[in-house]
Amino acid sequence: MLIGYSIIKPAIFLFAIEKKKMLTEEGKKMNRAPAWTQEEFEVLLKNSSMSDDELAKKLPKRSLGSIGTVRSGIHSYHRNLDVSMLSKMMLDKLSKVKGTTICPKCGVKF
C-alpha cells in the first residue's frame, strides 16, 4: 500500500495547489457574494434603463459582472432560453410580474 499512497499523495497535493490558485486573485481570497435579496432584485427590475455602472451604485454588494449576469438571465427568461443563472426567488418574482417587466438587455416589455 505504501507505493499506491506515494502516487496518490503528490496528486492530492497538486490538486490542493491548483484549488488554492483558483481561490486567490493577486494574493487576495475571493469570497462569493451572498445570495441576492428580493429587494436587490426589485431594484434591478425597476431600473432597467440604467447602465450596469449606474446600477452598481444602487447595489453596492453586487459586482458589475453579477449585475450583468442577472440582466442576461432576465433576457433569457423572456426569450425562453437557459435561466440557470437565476435563483428560484428571481424566477418566482419574474413569473409574478409578467406583462409589466422591461428587459434590461433589449427593452422588450414582457
N, C-alpha and C. Protein backbone atom coordinates (compact mmCIF):
# COMPACT_ATOMS: atom_id res chain seq x y z
N MET A 1 0.80 -1.21 0.00
CA MET A 1 0.00 0.00 0.00
C MET A 1 0.84 1.27 0.00
N LEU A 2 2.04 1.17 0.46
CA LEU A 2 2.89 2.35 0.52
C LEU A 2 3.16 2.91 -0.87
N ILE A 3 3.29 2.05 -1.86
CA ILE A 3 3.54 2.50 -3.23
C ILE A 3 2.33 3.28 -3.74
N GLY A 4 1.13 2.76 -3.57
CA GLY A 4 -0.09 3.46 -4.00
C GLY A 4 -0.25 4.80 -3.30
N TYR A 5 0.07 4.85 -2.04
CA TYR A 5 -0.03 6.09 -1.28
C TYR A 5 0.95 7.13 -1.80
N SER A 6 2.15 6.70 -2.16
CA SER A 6 3.14 7.67 -2.63
C SER A 6 2.75 8.25 -3.98
N ILE A 7 1.94 7.57 -4.75
CA ILE A 7 1.46 8.09 -6.03
C ILE A 7 0.28 9.04 -5.80
N ILE A 8 -0.61 8.67 -4.90
CA ILE A 8 -1.81 9.47 -4.65
C ILE A 8 -1.49 10.76 -3.92
N LYS A 9 -0.61 10.71 -2.94
CA LYS A 9 -0.30 11.89 -2.13
C LYS A 9 0.17 13.07 -2.98
N PRO A 10 1.12 12.91 -3.91
CA PRO A 10 1.52 14.06 -4.74
C PRO A 10 0.37 14.59 -5.59
N ALA A 11 -0.50 13.71 -6.08
CA ALA A 11 -1.63 14.15 -6.90
C ALA A 11 -2.59 15.00 -6.06
N ILE A 12 -2.82 14.60 -4.83
CA ILE A 12 -3.69 15.37 -3.94
C ILE A 12 -3.05 16.72 -3.64
N PHE A 13 -1.74 16.73 -3.42
CA PHE A 13 -1.02 17.97 -3.14
C PHE A 13 -1.13 18.93 -4.33
N LEU A 14 -0.94 18.43 -5.55
CA LEU A 14 -1.05 19.28 -6.74
C LEU A 14 -2.46 19.81 -6.91
N PHE A 15 -3.46 18.98 -6.62
CA PHE A 15 -4.85 19.43 -6.69
C PHE A 15 -5.10 20.56 -5.70
N ALA A 16 -4.55 20.43 -4.50
CA ALA A 16 -4.72 21.47 -3.48
C ALA A 16 -4.07 22.77 -3.92
N ILE A 17 -2.91 22.69 -4.57
CA ILE A 17 -2.24 23.89 -5.06
C ILE A 17 -3.10 24.57 -6.13
N GLU A 18 -3.62 23.79 -7.07
CA GLU A 18 -4.46 24.35 -8.14
C GLU A 18 -5.73 24.95 -7.56
N LYS A 19 -6.33 24.29 -6.58
CA LYS A 19 -7.55 24.81 -5.95
C LYS A 19 -7.24 26.14 -5.26
N LYS A 20 -6.11 26.22 -4.60
CA LYS A 20 -5.73 27.46 -3.93
C LYS A 20 -5.55 28.58 -4.95
N LYS A 21 -4.96 28.28 -6.09
CA LYS A 21 -4.79 29.28 -7.14
C LYS A 21 -6.14 29.79 -7.62
N MET A 22 -7.11 28.89 -7.72
CA MET A 22 -8.44 29.30 -8.17
C MET A 22 -9.12 30.19 -7.13
N LEU A 23 -8.81 30.00 -5.88
CA LEU A 23 -9.45 30.76 -4.82
C LEU A 23 -8.80 32.12 -4.58
N THR A 24 -7.66 32.34 -5.19
CA THR A 24 -6.98 33.60 -4.95
C THR A 24 -6.80 34.37 -6.25
N GLU A 25 -6.80 35.65 -6.12
CA GLU A 25 -6.54 36.53 -7.25
C GLU A 25 -5.62 37.61 -6.75
N GLU A 26 -4.41 37.61 -7.26
CA GLU A 26 -3.40 38.57 -6.84
C GLU A 26 -3.21 38.53 -5.32
N GLY A 27 -3.20 37.32 -4.76
CA GLY A 27 -2.95 37.16 -3.34
C GLY A 27 -4.13 37.43 -2.44
N LYS A 28 -5.29 37.78 -2.99
CA LYS A 28 -6.47 38.07 -2.17
C LYS A 28 -7.44 36.91 -2.29
N LYS A 29 -8.02 36.53 -1.19
CA LYS A 29 -9.01 35.46 -1.21
C LYS A 29 -10.29 35.98 -1.84
N MET A 30 -10.80 35.23 -2.81
CA MET A 30 -12.04 35.62 -3.47
C MET A 30 -13.21 35.00 -2.70
N ASN A 31 -14.09 35.83 -2.21
CA ASN A 31 -15.26 35.36 -1.48
C ASN A 31 -16.48 35.47 -2.36
N ARG A 32 -17.33 34.50 -2.30
CA ARG A 32 -18.56 34.53 -3.07
C ARG A 32 -19.55 35.45 -2.35
N ALA A 33 -20.20 36.29 -3.12
CA ALA A 33 -21.18 37.22 -2.55
C ALA A 33 -22.39 36.44 -2.05
N PRO A 34 -23.09 36.98 -1.06
CA PRO A 34 -24.29 36.30 -0.59
C PRO A 34 -25.36 36.31 -1.67
N ALA A 35 -26.34 35.45 -1.52
CA ALA A 35 -27.44 35.37 -2.48
C ALA A 35 -28.13 36.73 -2.60
N TRP A 36 -28.63 37.03 -3.78
CA TRP A 36 -29.36 38.27 -3.99
C TRP A 36 -30.61 38.28 -3.11
N THR A 37 -30.90 39.42 -2.55
CA THR A 37 -32.14 39.57 -1.79
C THR A 37 -33.25 39.96 -2.76
N GLN A 38 -34.48 39.78 -2.32
CA GLN A 38 -35.61 40.19 -3.15
C GLN A 38 -35.58 41.70 -3.39
N GLU A 39 -35.18 42.45 -2.39
CA GLU A 39 -35.10 43.90 -2.53
C GLU A 39 -34.08 44.30 -3.59
N GLU A 40 -32.93 43.66 -3.59
CA GLU A 40 -31.91 43.95 -4.61
C GLU A 40 -32.43 43.62 -6.00
N PHE A 41 -33.09 42.48 -6.12
CA PHE A 41 -33.61 42.07 -7.43
C PHE A 41 -34.67 43.05 -7.92
N GLU A 42 -35.50 43.53 -7.01
CA GLU A 42 -36.52 44.51 -7.38
C GLU A 42 -35.89 45.83 -7.83
N VAL A 43 -34.80 46.24 -7.19
CA VAL A 43 -34.08 47.44 -7.62
C VAL A 43 -33.61 47.25 -9.06
N LEU A 44 -33.06 46.07 -9.35
CA LEU A 44 -32.59 45.79 -10.70
C LEU A 44 -33.75 45.82 -11.70
N LEU A 45 -34.87 45.20 -11.34
CA LEU A 45 -36.02 45.16 -12.25
C LEU A 45 -36.61 46.54 -12.50
N LYS A 46 -36.66 47.36 -11.47
CA LYS A 46 -37.28 48.69 -11.59
C LYS A 46 -36.39 49.71 -12.30
N ASN A 47 -35.14 49.37 -12.50
CA ASN A 47 -34.20 50.31 -13.11
C ASN A 47 -33.58 49.72 -14.38
N SER A 48 -34.43 49.19 -15.23
CA SER A 48 -33.94 48.50 -16.44
C SER A 48 -33.22 49.43 -17.41
N SER A 49 -33.50 50.74 -17.34
CA SER A 49 -32.86 51.67 -18.28
C SER A 49 -31.49 52.15 -17.79
N MET A 50 -31.14 51.87 -16.55
CA MET A 50 -29.84 52.28 -16.01
C MET A 50 -28.73 51.38 -16.57
N SER A 51 -27.55 51.96 -16.71
CA SER A 51 -26.39 51.16 -17.11
C SER A 51 -25.97 50.27 -15.92
N ASP A 52 -25.15 49.29 -16.21
CA ASP A 52 -24.64 48.44 -15.13
C ASP A 52 -23.86 49.27 -14.11
N ASP A 53 -23.08 50.24 -14.60
CA ASP A 53 -22.31 51.11 -13.70
C ASP A 53 -23.21 51.91 -12.77
N GLU A 54 -24.28 52.48 -13.33
CA GLU A 54 -25.22 53.25 -12.51
C GLU A 54 -25.91 52.36 -11.50
N LEU A 55 -26.29 51.18 -11.95
CA LEU A 55 -26.99 50.25 -11.06
C LEU A 55 -26.08 49.75 -9.95
N ALA A 56 -24.81 49.61 -10.24
CA ALA A 56 -23.86 49.16 -9.22
C ALA A 56 -23.80 50.13 -8.04
N LYS A 57 -24.05 51.40 -8.29
CA LYS A 57 -24.08 52.38 -7.21
C LYS A 57 -25.28 52.16 -6.29
N LYS A 58 -26.38 51.66 -6.85
CA LYS A 58 -27.57 51.36 -6.05
C LYS A 58 -27.47 49.99 -5.39
N LEU A 59 -26.59 49.15 -5.92
CA LEU A 59 -26.42 47.79 -5.40
C LEU A 59 -24.95 47.58 -5.02
N PRO A 60 -24.51 48.21 -3.94
CA PRO A 60 -23.09 48.19 -3.59
C PRO A 60 -22.51 46.80 -3.27
N LYS A 61 -23.34 45.84 -2.94
CA LYS A 61 -22.85 44.49 -2.65
C LYS A 61 -22.68 43.65 -3.90
N ARG A 62 -23.06 44.20 -5.06
CA ARG A 62 -23.05 43.45 -6.31
C ARG A 62 -21.99 43.96 -7.27
N SER A 63 -21.25 43.06 -7.86
CA SER A 63 -20.23 43.42 -8.84
C SER A 63 -20.89 43.71 -10.18
N LEU A 64 -20.15 44.39 -11.05
CA LEU A 64 -20.66 44.63 -12.40
C LEU A 64 -20.94 43.32 -13.11
N GLY A 65 -20.09 42.34 -12.91
CA GLY A 65 -20.29 41.02 -13.53
C GLY A 65 -21.55 40.35 -13.06
N SER A 66 -21.82 40.44 -11.77
CA SER A 66 -23.03 39.85 -11.20
C SER A 66 -24.28 40.53 -11.74
N ILE A 67 -24.24 41.84 -11.82
CA ILE A 67 -25.38 42.60 -12.35
C ILE A 67 -25.62 42.22 -13.80
N GLY A 68 -24.55 42.15 -14.59
CA GLY A 68 -24.67 41.77 -15.99
C GLY A 68 -25.20 40.36 -16.18
N THR A 69 -24.77 39.46 -15.32
CA THR A 69 -25.23 38.07 -15.40
C THR A 69 -26.72 37.97 -15.12
N VAL A 70 -27.19 38.66 -14.09
CA VAL A 70 -28.61 38.61 -13.76
C VAL A 70 -29.43 39.27 -14.87
N ARG A 71 -28.93 40.37 -15.41
CA ARG A 71 -29.65 41.03 -16.52
C ARG A 71 -29.72 40.11 -17.74
N SER A 72 -28.66 39.39 -18.01
CA SER A 72 -28.68 38.43 -19.12
C SER A 72 -29.68 37.30 -18.83
N GLY A 73 -29.75 36.91 -17.56
CA GLY A 73 -30.72 35.88 -17.17
C GLY A 73 -32.15 36.33 -17.38
N ILE A 74 -32.43 37.59 -17.10
CA ILE A 74 -33.77 38.14 -17.33
C ILE A 74 -34.09 38.11 -18.82
N HIS A 75 -33.12 38.49 -19.64
CA HIS A 75 -33.30 38.46 -21.10
C HIS A 75 -33.58 37.02 -21.55
N SER A 76 -32.80 36.08 -21.03
CA SER A 76 -33.00 34.67 -21.38
C SER A 76 -34.37 34.18 -20.92
N TYR A 77 -34.83 34.66 -19.78
CA TYR A 77 -36.13 34.25 -19.25
C TYR A 77 -37.26 34.61 -20.23
N HIS A 78 -37.28 35.85 -20.70
CA HIS A 78 -38.39 36.24 -21.57
C HIS A 78 -38.26 35.66 -22.98
N ARG A 79 -37.08 35.16 -23.30
CA ARG A 79 -36.88 34.51 -24.61
C ARG A 79 -36.97 32.99 -24.50
N ASN A 80 -37.32 32.50 -23.31
CA ASN A 80 -37.45 31.06 -23.04
C ASN A 80 -36.15 30.30 -23.33
N LEU A 81 -35.05 30.88 -22.89
CA LEU A 81 -33.74 30.25 -23.04
C LEU A 81 -33.25 29.78 -21.67
N ASP A 82 -32.00 29.41 -21.57
CA ASP A 82 -31.41 28.92 -20.32
C ASP A 82 -31.43 30.01 -19.24
N VAL A 83 -32.00 29.68 -18.10
CA VAL A 83 -32.08 30.62 -16.98
C VAL A 83 -31.39 30.06 -15.74
N SER A 84 -30.41 29.20 -15.94
CA SER A 84 -29.74 28.56 -14.81
C SER A 84 -28.99 29.55 -13.93
N MET A 85 -28.74 30.76 -14.44
CA MET A 85 -28.02 31.76 -13.64
C MET A 85 -28.95 32.50 -12.68
N LEU A 86 -30.25 32.27 -12.79
CA LEU A 86 -31.22 32.94 -11.92
C LEU A 86 -31.62 32.02 -10.77
N SER A 87 -31.80 32.61 -9.60
CA SER A 87 -32.21 31.83 -8.43
C SER A 87 -33.72 31.54 -8.48
N LYS A 88 -34.15 30.66 -7.63
CA LYS A 88 -35.58 30.35 -7.54
C LYS A 88 -36.37 31.61 -7.18
N MET A 89 -35.84 32.41 -6.27
CA MET A 89 -36.52 33.65 -5.88
C MET A 89 -36.70 34.55 -7.10
N MET A 90 -35.67 34.67 -7.91
CA MET A 90 -35.74 35.52 -9.10
C MET A 90 -36.76 35.00 -10.10
N LEU A 91 -36.75 33.70 -10.31
CA LEU A 91 -37.71 33.09 -11.24
C LEU A 91 -39.14 33.26 -10.74
N ASP A 92 -39.35 33.08 -9.44
CA ASP A 92 -40.69 33.28 -8.86
C ASP A 92 -41.15 34.71 -9.06
N LYS A 93 -40.26 35.66 -8.81
CA LYS A 93 -40.59 37.08 -8.96
C LYS A 93 -40.92 37.41 -10.41
N LEU A 94 -40.14 36.91 -11.35
CA LEU A 94 -40.40 37.16 -12.77
C LEU A 94 -41.74 36.58 -13.21
N SER A 95 -42.11 35.44 -12.66
CA SER A 95 -43.39 34.84 -13.04
C SER A 95 -44.57 35.65 -12.52
N LYS A 96 -44.35 36.41 -11.45
CA LYS A 96 -45.42 37.23 -10.86
C LYS A 96 -45.56 38.59 -11.52
N VAL A 97 -44.53 39.05 -12.22
CA VAL A 97 -44.58 40.39 -12.80
C VAL A 97 -44.68 40.35 -14.33
N LYS A 98 -45.14 39.23 -14.86
CA LYS A 98 -45.27 39.12 -16.32
C LYS A 98 -46.18 40.21 -16.86
N GLY A 99 -45.76 40.77 -17.97
CA GLY A 99 -46.54 41.82 -18.61
C GLY A 99 -46.20 43.22 -18.13
N THR A 100 -45.42 43.31 -17.06
CA THR A 100 -45.07 44.63 -16.51
C THR A 100 -43.57 44.87 -16.43
N THR A 101 -42.79 43.91 -16.90
CA THR A 101 -41.34 43.99 -16.78
C THR A 101 -40.72 44.37 -18.12
N ILE A 102 -39.72 45.23 -18.06
CA ILE A 102 -38.98 45.62 -19.27
C ILE A 102 -37.61 44.96 -19.21
N CYS A 103 -37.26 44.26 -20.28
CA CYS A 103 -35.97 43.58 -20.34
C CYS A 103 -34.84 44.60 -20.33
N PRO A 104 -33.88 44.44 -19.41
CA PRO A 104 -32.77 45.40 -19.34
C PRO A 104 -31.78 45.26 -20.49
N LYS A 105 -31.85 44.20 -21.25
CA LYS A 105 -30.94 43.98 -22.37
C LYS A 105 -31.50 44.50 -23.69
N CYS A 106 -32.79 44.20 -23.97
CA CYS A 106 -33.33 44.54 -25.28
C CYS A 106 -34.49 45.53 -25.23
N GLY A 107 -34.99 45.82 -24.03
CA GLY A 107 -36.06 46.82 -23.88
C GLY A 107 -37.46 46.31 -24.15
N VAL A 108 -37.62 45.02 -24.41
CA VAL A 108 -38.93 44.45 -24.67
C VAL A 108 -39.72 44.34 -23.37
N LYS A 109 -40.98 44.72 -23.40
CA LYS A 109 -41.86 44.56 -22.24
C LYS A 109 -42.42 43.14 -22.29
N PHE A 110 -42.30 42.46 -21.19
CA PHE A 110 -42.82 41.07 -21.15
C PHE A 110 -43.54 40.79 -19.86
